[in-house]
């Protein structure tokens, strides 16, 4: 067995949220989720991050990021997969 660790710098996240998010989703979800869904999730992350920075809160671990209604749920991912399968 081996342990893989992905580190993400806040500077990189702030400068290229989509790219960093996409890399993280690829790392976490691997081959179990399609590239289209990972792209969708990275886009959601980027849009959520932009919305929060417009309101003065740019830290990914803010309470709004953890508890707000903008987080992606597993049912949304399943729905996206279903729609992409057509």
PDB file of N, CA and C in Angstrom:
ATOM      1  N   UNK A   1       0.828  -1.178   0.000  1.00  0.00           N
ATOM      2  CA  UNK A   1       0.000   0.000   0.000  1.00  0.00           C
ATOM      3  C   UNK A   1       0.874   1.242   0.000  1.00  0.00           C
ATOM      4  N   UNK A   2       0.290   2.309  -0.523  1.00  0.00           N
ATOM      5  CA  UNK A   2       1.005   3.573  -0.504  1.00  0.00           C
ATOM      6  C   UNK A   2       0.008   4.700  -0.231  1.00  0.00           C
ATOM      7  N   UNK A   3       0.523   5.753   0.288  1.00  0.00           N
ATOM      8  CA  UNK A   3      -0.279   6.918   0.622  1.00  0.00           C
ATOM      9  C   UNK A   3       0.073   8.032  -0.352  1.00  0.00           C
ATOM     10  N   UNK A   4      -0.930   8.573  -1.015  1.00  0.00           N
ATOM     11  CA  UNK A   4      -0.713   9.682  -1.926  1.00  0.00           C
ATOM     12  C   UNK A   4      -1.291  10.936  -1.302  1.00  0.00           C
ATOM     13  N   UNK A   5      -0.552  12.026  -1.425  1.00  0.00           N
ATOM     14  CA  UNK A   5      -0.961  13.295  -0.835  1.00  0.00           C
ATOM     15  C   UNK A   5      -0.905  14.372  -1.914  1.00  0.00           C
ATOM     16  N   UNK A   6      -1.952  15.154  -1.985  1.00  0.00           N
ATOM     17  CA  UNK A   6      -1.993  16.291  -2.889  1.00  0.00           C
ATOM     18  C   UNK A   6      -2.000  17.550  -2.038  1.00  0.00           C
ATOM     19  N   UNK A   7      -1.048  18.427  -2.281  1.00  0.00           N
ATOM     20  CA  UNK A   7      -1.036  19.709  -1.569  1.00  0.00           C
ATOM     21  C   UNK A   7      -1.456  20.798  -2.538  1.00  0.00           C
ATOM     22  N   UNK A   8      -2.206  21.750  -2.016  1.00  0.00           N
ATOM     23  CA  UNK A   8      -2.702  22.851  -2.834  1.00  0.00           C
ATOM     24  C   UNK A   8      -2.336  24.160  -2.140  1.00  0.00           C
ATOM     25  N   UNK A   9      -1.629  25.024  -2.839  1.00  0.00           N
ATOM     26  CA  UNK A   9      -1.285  26.313  -2.253  1.00  0.00           C
ATOM     27  C   UNK A   9      -2.443  27.282  -2.476  1.00  0.00           C
ATOM     28  N   UNK A  10      -2.680  28.134  -1.512  1.00  0.00           N
ATOM     29  CA  UNK A  10      -3.742  29.130  -1.636  1.00  0.00           C
ATOM     30  C   UNK A  10      -3.436  30.089  -2.785  1.00  0.00           C
ATOM     31  N   UNK A  11      -2.159  30.391  -3.022  1.00  0.00           N
ATOM     32  CA  UNK A  11      -1.799  31.279  -4.128  1.00  0.00           C
ATOM     33  C   UNK A  11      -2.253  30.694  -5.467  1.00  0.00           C
ATOM     34  N   UNK A  12      -1.971  29.428  -5.660  1.00  0.00           N
ATOM     35  CA  UNK A  12      -2.375  28.794  -6.918  1.00  0.00           C
ATOM     36  C   UNK A  12      -3.889  28.694  -7.020  1.00  0.00           C
ATOM     37  N   UNK A  13      -4.533  28.367  -5.926  1.00  0.00           N
ATOM     38  CA  UNK A  13      -5.987  28.276  -5.933  1.00  0.00           C
ATOM     39  C   UNK A  13      -6.610  29.620  -6.288  1.00  0.00           C
ATOM     40  N   UNK A  14      -6.079  30.682  -5.723  1.00  0.00           N
ATOM     41  CA  UNK A  14      -6.619  32.010  -5.993  1.00  0.00           C
ATOM     42  C   UNK A  14      -6.356  32.451  -7.426  1.00  0.00           C
ATOM     43  N   UNK A  15      -5.225  32.066  -7.985  1.00  0.00           N
ATOM     44  CA  UNK A  15      -4.875  32.500  -9.341  1.00  0.00           C
ATOM     45  C   UNK A  15      -5.544  31.664 -10.426  1.00  0.00           C
ATOM     46  N   UNK A  16      -5.732  30.381 -10.187  1.00  0.00           N
ATOM     47  CA  UNK A  16      -6.315  29.516 -11.215  1.00  0.00           C
ATOM     48  C   UNK A  16      -7.197  28.470 -10.546  1.00  0.00           C
ATOM     49  N   UNK A  17      -8.333  28.924 -10.059  1.00  0.00           N
ATOM     50  CA  UNK A  17      -9.232  28.073  -9.283  1.00  0.00           C
ATOM     51  C   UNK A  17      -9.690  26.858 -10.069  1.00  0.00           C
ATOM     52  N   UNK A  18     -10.053  27.052 -11.334  1.00  0.00           N
ATOM     53  CA  UNK A  18     -10.558  25.925 -12.116  1.00  0.00           C
ATOM     54  C   UNK A  18      -9.483  24.848 -12.283  1.00  0.00           C
ATOM     55  N   UNK A  19      -8.291  25.250 -12.685  1.00  0.00           N
ATOM     56  CA  UNK A  19      -7.215  24.287 -12.940  1.00  0.00           C
ATOM     57  C   UNK A  19      -6.836  23.520 -11.663  1.00  0.00           C
ATOM     58  N   UNK A  20      -6.714  24.232 -10.563  1.00  0.00           N
ATOM     59  CA  UNK A  20      -6.362  23.590  -9.294  1.00  0.00           C
ATOM     60  C   UNK A  20      -7.499  22.679  -8.839  1.00  0.00           C
ATOM     61  N   UNK A  21      -8.729  23.148  -8.974  1.00  0.00           N
ATOM     62  CA  UNK A  21      -9.876  22.319  -8.609  1.00  0.00           C
ATOM     63  C   UNK A  21      -9.961  21.076  -9.458  1.00  0.00           C
ATOM     64  N   UNK A  22      -9.731  21.221 -10.748  1.00  0.00           N
ATOM     65  CA  UNK A  22      -9.796  20.070 -11.664  1.00  0.00           C
ATOM     66  C   UNK A  22      -8.740  19.040 -11.302  1.00  0.00           C
ATOM     67  N   UNK A  23      -7.563  19.513 -10.975  1.00  0.00           N
ATOM     68  CA  UNK A  23      -6.484  18.598 -10.567  1.00  0.00           C
ATOM     69  C   UNK A  23      -6.856  17.870  -9.275  1.00  0.00           C
ATOM     70  N   UNK A  24      -7.444  18.597  -8.334  1.00  0.00           N
ATOM     71  CA  UNK A  24      -7.854  17.990  -7.068  1.00  0.00           C
ATOM     72  C   UNK A  24      -8.957  16.953  -7.285  1.00  0.00           C
ATOM     73  N   UNK A  25      -9.945  17.287  -8.121  1.00  0.00           N
ATOM     74  CA  UNK A  25     -11.019  16.324  -8.389  1.00  0.00           C
ATOM     75  C   UNK A  25     -10.490  15.095  -9.108  1.00  0.00           C
ATOM     76  N   UNK A  26      -9.531  15.289  -9.995  1.00  0.00           N
ATOM     77  CA  UNK A  26      -8.929  14.145 -10.674  1.00  0.00           C
ATOM     78  C   UNK A  26      -8.179  13.276  -9.676  1.00  0.00           C
ATOM     79  N   UNK A  27      -7.471  13.905  -8.762  1.00  0.00           N
ATOM     80  CA  UNK A  27      -6.722  13.186  -7.731  1.00  0.00           C
ATOM     81  C   UNK A  27      -7.662  12.387  -6.831  1.00  0.00           C
ATOM     82  N   UNK A  28      -8.734  13.024  -6.387  1.00  0.00           N
ATOM     83  CA  UNK A  28      -9.646  12.394  -5.423  1.00  0.00           C
ATOM     84  C   UNK A  28     -10.553  11.363  -6.088  1.00  0.00           C
ATOM     85  N   UNK A  29     -11.092  11.699  -7.244  1.00  0.00           N
ATOM     86  CA  UNK A  29     -12.091  10.840  -7.873  1.00  0.00           C
ATOM     87  C   UNK A  29     -11.507   9.832  -8.854  1.00  0.00           C
ATOM     88  N   UNK A  30     -10.301  10.118  -9.341  1.00  0.00           N
ATOM     89  CA  UNK A  30      -9.602   9.191 -10.222  1.00  0.00           C
ATOM     90  C   UNK A  30     -10.442   8.720 -11.401  1.00  0.00           C
ATOM     91  N   UNK A  31     -10.329   7.445 -11.733  1.00  0.00           N
ATOM     92  CA  UNK A  31     -11.043   6.917 -12.894  1.00  0.00           C
ATOM     93  C   UNK A  31     -12.517   6.587 -12.611  1.00  0.00           C
ATOM     94  N   UNK A  32     -12.969   6.847 -11.407  1.00  0.00           N
ATOM     95  CA  UNK A  32     -14.327   6.457 -11.025  1.00  0.00           C
ATOM     96  C   UNK A  32     -15.393   7.441 -11.469  1.00  0.00           C
ATOM     97  N   UNK A  33     -14.961   8.630 -11.906  1.00  0.00           N
ATOM     98  CA  UNK A  33     -15.888   9.658 -12.364  1.00  0.00           C
ATOM     99  C   UNK A  33     -15.358  10.184 -13.699  1.00  0.00           C
ATOM    100  N   UNK A  34     -16.260  10.475 -14.625  1.00  0.00           N
ATOM    101  CA  UNK A  34     -15.855  10.918 -15.965  1.00  0.00           C
ATOM    102  C   UNK A  34     -15.177  12.284 -15.916  1.00  0.00           C
ATOM    103  N   UNK A  35     -14.395  12.558 -16.958  1.00  0.00           N
ATOM    104  CA  UNK A  35     -13.737  13.862 -17.072  1.00  0.00           C
ATOM    105  C   UNK A  35     -14.766  14.982 -17.166  1.00  0.00           C
ATOM    106  N   UNK A  36     -15.888  14.725 -17.822  1.00  0.00           N
ATOM    107  CA  UNK A  36     -16.927  15.750 -17.929  1.00  0.00           C
ATOM    108  C   UNK A  36     -17.458  16.164 -16.562  1.00  0.00           C
ATOM    109  N   UNK A  37     -17.641  15.208 -15.686  1.00  0.00           N
ATOM    110  CA  UNK A  37     -18.134  15.519 -14.342  1.00  0.00           C
ATOM    111  C   UNK A  37     -17.063  16.266 -13.553  1.00  0.00           C
ATOM    112  N   UNK A  38     -15.814  15.877 -13.689  1.00  0.00           N
ATOM    113  CA  UNK A  38     -14.735  16.588 -13.007  1.00  0.00           C
ATOM    114  C   UNK A  38     -14.641  18.025 -13.507  1.00  0.00           C
ATOM    115  N   UNK A  39     -14.817  18.227 -14.810  1.00  0.00           N
ATOM    116  CA  UNK A  39     -14.839  19.584 -15.369  1.00  0.00           C
ATOM    117  C   UNK A  39     -16.005  20.377 -14.783  1.00  0.00           C
ATOM    118  N   UNK A  40     -17.151  19.746 -14.706  1.00  0.00           N
ATOM    119  CA  UNK A  40     -18.341  20.386 -14.142  1.00  0.00           C
ATOM    120  C   UNK A  40     -18.100  20.803 -12.691  1.00  0.00           C
ATOM    121  N   UNK A  41     -17.510  19.914 -11.909  1.00  0.00           N
ATOM    122  CA  UNK A  41     -17.233  20.218 -10.503  1.00  0.00           C
ATOM    123  C   UNK A  41     -16.212  21.349 -10.377  1.00  0.00           C
ATOM    124  N   UNK A  42     -15.196  21.337 -11.223  1.00  0.00           N
ATOM    125  CA  UNK A  42     -14.192  22.404 -11.193  1.00  0.00           C
ATOM    126  C   UNK A  42     -14.823  23.741 -11.575  1.00  0.00           C
ATOM    127  N   UNK A  43     -15.736  23.724 -12.503  1.00  0.00           N
ATOM    128  CA  UNK A  43     -16.442  24.949 -12.886  1.00  0.00           C
ATOM    129  C   UNK A  43     -17.300  25.447 -11.738  1.00  0.00           C
ATOM    130  N   UNK A  44     -17.978  24.535 -11.058  1.00  0.00           N
ATOM    131  CA  UNK A  44     -18.781  24.929  -9.892  1.00  0.00           C
ATOM    132  C   UNK A  44     -17.896  25.540  -8.809  1.00  0.00           C
ATOM    133  N   UNK A  45     -16.740  24.927  -8.573  1.00  0.00           N
ATOM    134  CA  UNK A  45     -15.801  25.456  -7.584  1.00  0.00           C
ATOM    135  C   UNK A  45     -15.357  26.860  -7.975  1.00  0.00           C
ATOM    136  N   UNK A  46     -14.954  27.037  -9.238  1.00  0.00           N
ATOM    137  CA  UNK A  46     -14.503  28.351  -9.712  1.00  0.00           C
ATOM    138  C   UNK A  46     -15.601  29.402  -9.547  1.00  0.00           C
ATOM    139  N   UNK A  47     -16.815  29.064  -9.953  1.00  0.00           N
ATOM    140  CA  UNK A  47     -17.915  30.025  -9.859  1.00  0.00           C
ATOM    141  C   UNK A  47     -18.243  30.369  -8.412  1.00  0.00           C
ATOM    142  N   UNK A  48     -18.233  29.374  -7.540  1.00  0.00           N
ATOM    143  CA  UNK A  48     -18.480  29.609  -6.119  1.00  0.00           C
ATOM    144  C   UNK A  48     -17.385  30.486  -5.522  1.00  0.00           C
ATOM    145  N   UNK A  49     -16.145  30.206  -5.893  1.00  0.00           N
ATOM    146  CA  UNK A  49     -15.020  30.977  -5.372  1.00  0.00           C
ATOM    147  C   UNK A  49     -15.108  32.432  -5.837  1.00  0.00           C
ATOM    148  N   UNK A  50     -15.445  32.639  -7.109  1.00  0.00           N
ATOM    149  CA  UNK A  50     -15.595  34.004  -7.631  1.00  0.00           C
ATOM    150  C   UNK A  50     -16.704  34.745  -6.891  1.00  0.00           C
ATOM    151  N   UNK A  51     -17.809  34.061  -6.642  1.00  0.00           N
ATOM    152  CA  UNK A  51     -18.929  34.688  -5.939  1.00  0.00           C
ATOM    153  C   UNK A  51     -18.504  35.106  -4.537  1.00  0.00           C
ATOM    154  N   UNK A  52     -17.789  34.237  -3.843  1.00  0.00           N
ATOM    155  CA  UNK A  52     -17.348  34.561  -2.490  1.00  0.00           C
ATOM    156  C   UNK A  52     -16.335  35.698  -2.471  1.00  0.00           C
ATOM    157  N   UNK A  53     -15.438  35.742  -3.450  1.00  0.00           N
ATOM    158  CA  UNK A  53     -14.441  36.819  -3.460  1.00  0.00           C
ATOM    159  C   UNK A  53     -15.085  38.159  -3.765  1.00  0.00           C
ATOM    160  N   UNK A  54     -16.153  38.160  -4.540  1.00  0.00           N
ATOM    161  CA  UNK A  54     -16.873  39.418  -4.788  1.00  0.00           C
ATOM    162  C   UNK A  54     -17.497  39.953  -3.501  1.00  0.00           C
ATOM    163  N   UNK A  55     -17.775  39.052  -2.559  1.00  0.00           N
ATOM    164  CA  UNK A  55     -18.375  39.443  -1.291  1.00  0.00           C
ATOM    165  C   UNK A  55     -17.330  39.556  -0.179  1.00  0.00           C
ATOM    166  N   UNK A  56     -16.054  39.576  -0.546  1.00  0.00           N
ATOM    167  CA  UNK A  56     -14.993  39.827   0.411  1.00  0.00           C
ATOM    168  C   UNK A  56     -14.510  38.632   1.196  1.00  0.00           C
ATOM    169  N   UNK A  57     -14.832  37.415   0.766  1.00  0.00           N
ATOM    170  CA  UNK A  57     -14.425  36.234   1.513  1.00  0.00           C
ATOM    171  C   UNK A  57     -13.749  35.255   0.568  1.00  0.00           C
ATOM    172  N   UNK A  58     -12.420  35.282   0.516  1.00  0.00           N
ATOM    173  CA  UNK A  58     -11.701  34.478  -0.468  1.00  0.00           C
ATOM    174  C   UNK A  58     -11.090  33.196   0.080  1.00  0.00           C
ATOM    175  N   UNK A  59     -11.270  32.915   1.347  1.00  0.00           N
ATOM    176  CA  UNK A  59     -10.635  31.716   1.899  1.00  0.00           C
ATOM    177  C   UNK A  59     -11.534  30.508   1.721  1.00  0.00           C
ATOM    178  N   UNK A  60     -10.983  29.459   1.160  1.00  0.00           N
ATOM    179  CA  UNK A  60     -11.736  28.257   0.807  1.00  0.00           C
ATOM    180  C   UNK A  60     -12.343  27.579   2.034  1.00  0.00           C
ATOM    181  N   UNK A  61     -11.762  27.800   3.209  1.00  0.00           N
ATOM    182  CA  UNK A  61     -12.265  27.137   4.414  1.00  0.00           C
ATOM    183  C   UNK A  61     -13.225  28.002   5.210  1.00  0.00           C
ATOM    184  N   UNK A  62     -13.715  29.064   4.616  1.00  0.00           N
ATOM    185  CA  UNK A  62     -14.645  29.932   5.333  1.00  0.00           C
ATOM    186  C   UNK A  62     -15.923  29.185   5.667  1.00  0.00           C
ATOM    187  N   UNK A  63     -16.653  29.675   6.655  1.00  0.00           N
ATOM    188  CA  UNK A  63     -17.888  28.999   7.049  1.00  0.00           C
ATOM    189  C   UNK A  63     -18.892  29.005   5.913  1.00  0.00           C
ATOM    190  N   UNK A  64     -18.904  30.011   5.078  1.00  0.00           N
ATOM    191  CA  UNK A  64     -19.817  30.036   3.937  1.00  0.00           C
ATOM    192  C   UNK A  64     -19.500  28.894   2.975  1.00  0.00           C
ATOM    193  N   UNK A  65     -18.209  28.624   2.784  1.00  0.00           N
ATOM    194  CA  UNK A  65     -17.829  27.538   1.886  1.00  0.00           C
ATOM    195  C   UNK A  65     -18.236  26.189   2.459  1.00  0.00           C
ATOM    196  N   UNK A  66     -18.157  26.032   3.765  1.00  0.00           N
ATOM    197  CA  UNK A  66     -18.482  24.754   4.371  1.00  0.00           C
ATOM    198  C   UNK A  66     -19.976  24.548   4.541  1.00  0.00           C
ATOM    199  N   UNK A  67     -20.698  25.607   4.851  1.00  0.00           N
ATOM    200  CA  UNK A  67     -22.099  25.444   5.224  1.00  0.00           C
ATOM    201  C   UNK A  67     -23.084  26.105   4.268  1.00  0.00           C
ATOM    202  N   UNK A  68     -22.580  26.820   3.287  1.00  0.00           N
ATOM    203  CA  UNK A  68     -23.482  27.491   2.353  1.00  0.00           C
ATOM    204  C   UNK A  68     -24.187  26.496   1.447  1.00  0.00           C
ATOM    205  N   UNK A  69     -25.159  26.976   0.710  1.00  0.00           N
ATOM    206  CA  UNK A  69     -25.914  26.091  -0.160  1.00  0.00           C
ATOM    207  C   UNK A  69     -25.256  25.926  -1.525  1.00  0.00           C
ATOM    208  N   UNK A  70     -24.043  26.386  -1.696  1.00  0.00           N
ATOM    209  CA  UNK A  70     -23.394  26.299  -2.995  1.00  0.00           C
ATOM    210  C   UNK A  70     -22.546  25.036  -3.151  1.00  0.00           C
ATOM    211  N   UNK A  71     -22.470  24.205  -2.138  1.00  0.00           N
ATOM    212  CA  UNK A  71     -21.688  22.989  -2.252  1.00  0.00           C
ATOM    213  C   UNK A  71     -22.376  21.988  -3.162  1.00  0.00           C
ATOM    214  N   UNK A  72     -21.593  21.185  -3.842  1.00  0.00           N
ATOM    215  CA  UNK A  72     -22.124  20.174  -4.740  1.00  0.00           C
ATOM    216  C   UNK A  72     -22.465  18.933  -3.929  1.00  0.00           C
ATOM    217  N   UNK A  73     -23.655  18.405  -4.142  1.00  0.00           N
ATOM    218  CA  UNK A  73     -24.070  17.196  -3.432  1.00  0.00           C
ATOM    219  C   UNK A  73     -23.864  15.975  -4.317  1.00  0.00           C
ATOM    220  N   UNK A  74     -23.863  14.799  -3.698  1.00  0.00           N
ATOM    221  CA  UNK A  74     -23.676  13.579  -4.477  1.00  0.00           C
ATOM    222  C   UNK A  74     -24.812  13.382  -5.468  1.00  0.00           C
ATOM    223  N   UNK A  75     -26.026  13.802  -5.116  1.00  0.00           N
ATOM    224  CA  UNK A  75     -27.145  13.648  -6.050  1.00  0.00           C
ATOM    225  C   UNK A  75     -26.953  14.537  -7.274  1.00  0.00           C
ATOM    226  N   UNK A  76     -26.330  15.713  -7.108  1.00  0.00           N
ATOM    227  CA  UNK A  76     -26.049  16.579  -8.252  1.00  0.00           C
ATOM    228  C   UNK A  76     -25.023  15.936  -9.182  1.00  0.00           C
ATOM    229  N   UNK A  77     -24.036  15.272  -8.604  1.00  0.00           N
ATOM    230  CA  UNK A  77     -23.033  14.583  -9.413  1.00  0.00           C
ATOM    231  C   UNK A  77     -23.699  13.448 -10.176  1.00  0.00           C
ATOM    232  N   UNK A  78     -24.553  12.680  -9.510  1.00  0.00           N
ATOM    233  CA  UNK A  78     -25.259  11.583 -10.175  1.00  0.00           C
ATOM    234  C   UNK A  78     -26.145  12.119 -11.289  1.00  0.00           C
ATOM    235  N   UNK A  79     -26.805  13.229 -11.061  1.00  0.00           N
ATOM    236  CA  UNK A  79     -27.657  13.832 -12.072  1.00  0.00           C
ATOM    237  C   UNK A  79     -26.841  14.279 -13.273  1.00  0.00           C
ATOM    238  N   UNK A  80     -25.684  14.875 -13.022  1.00  0.00           N
ATOM    239  CA  UNK A  80     -24.809  15.309 -14.109  1.00  0.00           C
ATOM    240  C   UNK A  80     -24.358  14.098 -14.923  1.00  0.00           C
ATOM    241  N   UNK A  81     -23.979  13.016 -14.258  1.00  0.00           N
ATOM    242  CA  UNK A  81     -23.572  11.784 -14.948  1.00  0.00           C
ATOM    243  C   UNK A  81     -24.715  11.261 -15.809  1.00  0.00           C
ATOM    244  N   UNK A  82     -25.921  11.267 -15.269  1.00  0.00           N
ATOM    245  CA  UNK A  82     -27.081  10.775 -16.003  1.00  0.00           C
ATOM    246  C   UNK A  82     -27.311  11.617 -17.248  1.00  0.00           C
ATOM    247  N   UNK A  83     -27.230  12.934 -17.100  1.00  0.00           N
ATOM    248  CA  UNK A  83     -27.463  13.814 -18.237  1.00  0.00           C
ATOM    249  C   UNK A  83     -26.374  13.649 -19.313  1.00  0.00           C
ATOM    250  N   UNK A  84     -25.146  13.434 -18.865  1.00  0.00           N
ATOM    251  CA  UNK A  84     -24.050  13.277 -19.823  1.00  0.00           C
ATOM    252  C   UNK A  84     -24.100  11.936 -20.555  1.00  0.00           C
ATOM    253  N   UNK A  85     -24.837  10.982 -20.006  1.00  0.00           N
ATOM    254  CA  UNK A  85     -24.899   9.653 -20.626  1.00  0.00           C
ATOM    255  C   UNK A  85     -25.800   9.614 -21.848  1.00  0.00           C
ATOM    256  N   UNK A  86     -26.606  10.645 -22.065  1.00  0.00           N
ATOM    257  CA  UNK A  86     -27.531  10.661 -23.219  1.00  0.00           C
ATOM    258  C   UNK A  86     -26.822  10.931 -24.508  1.00  0.00           C
TER     259      UNK A  86
END
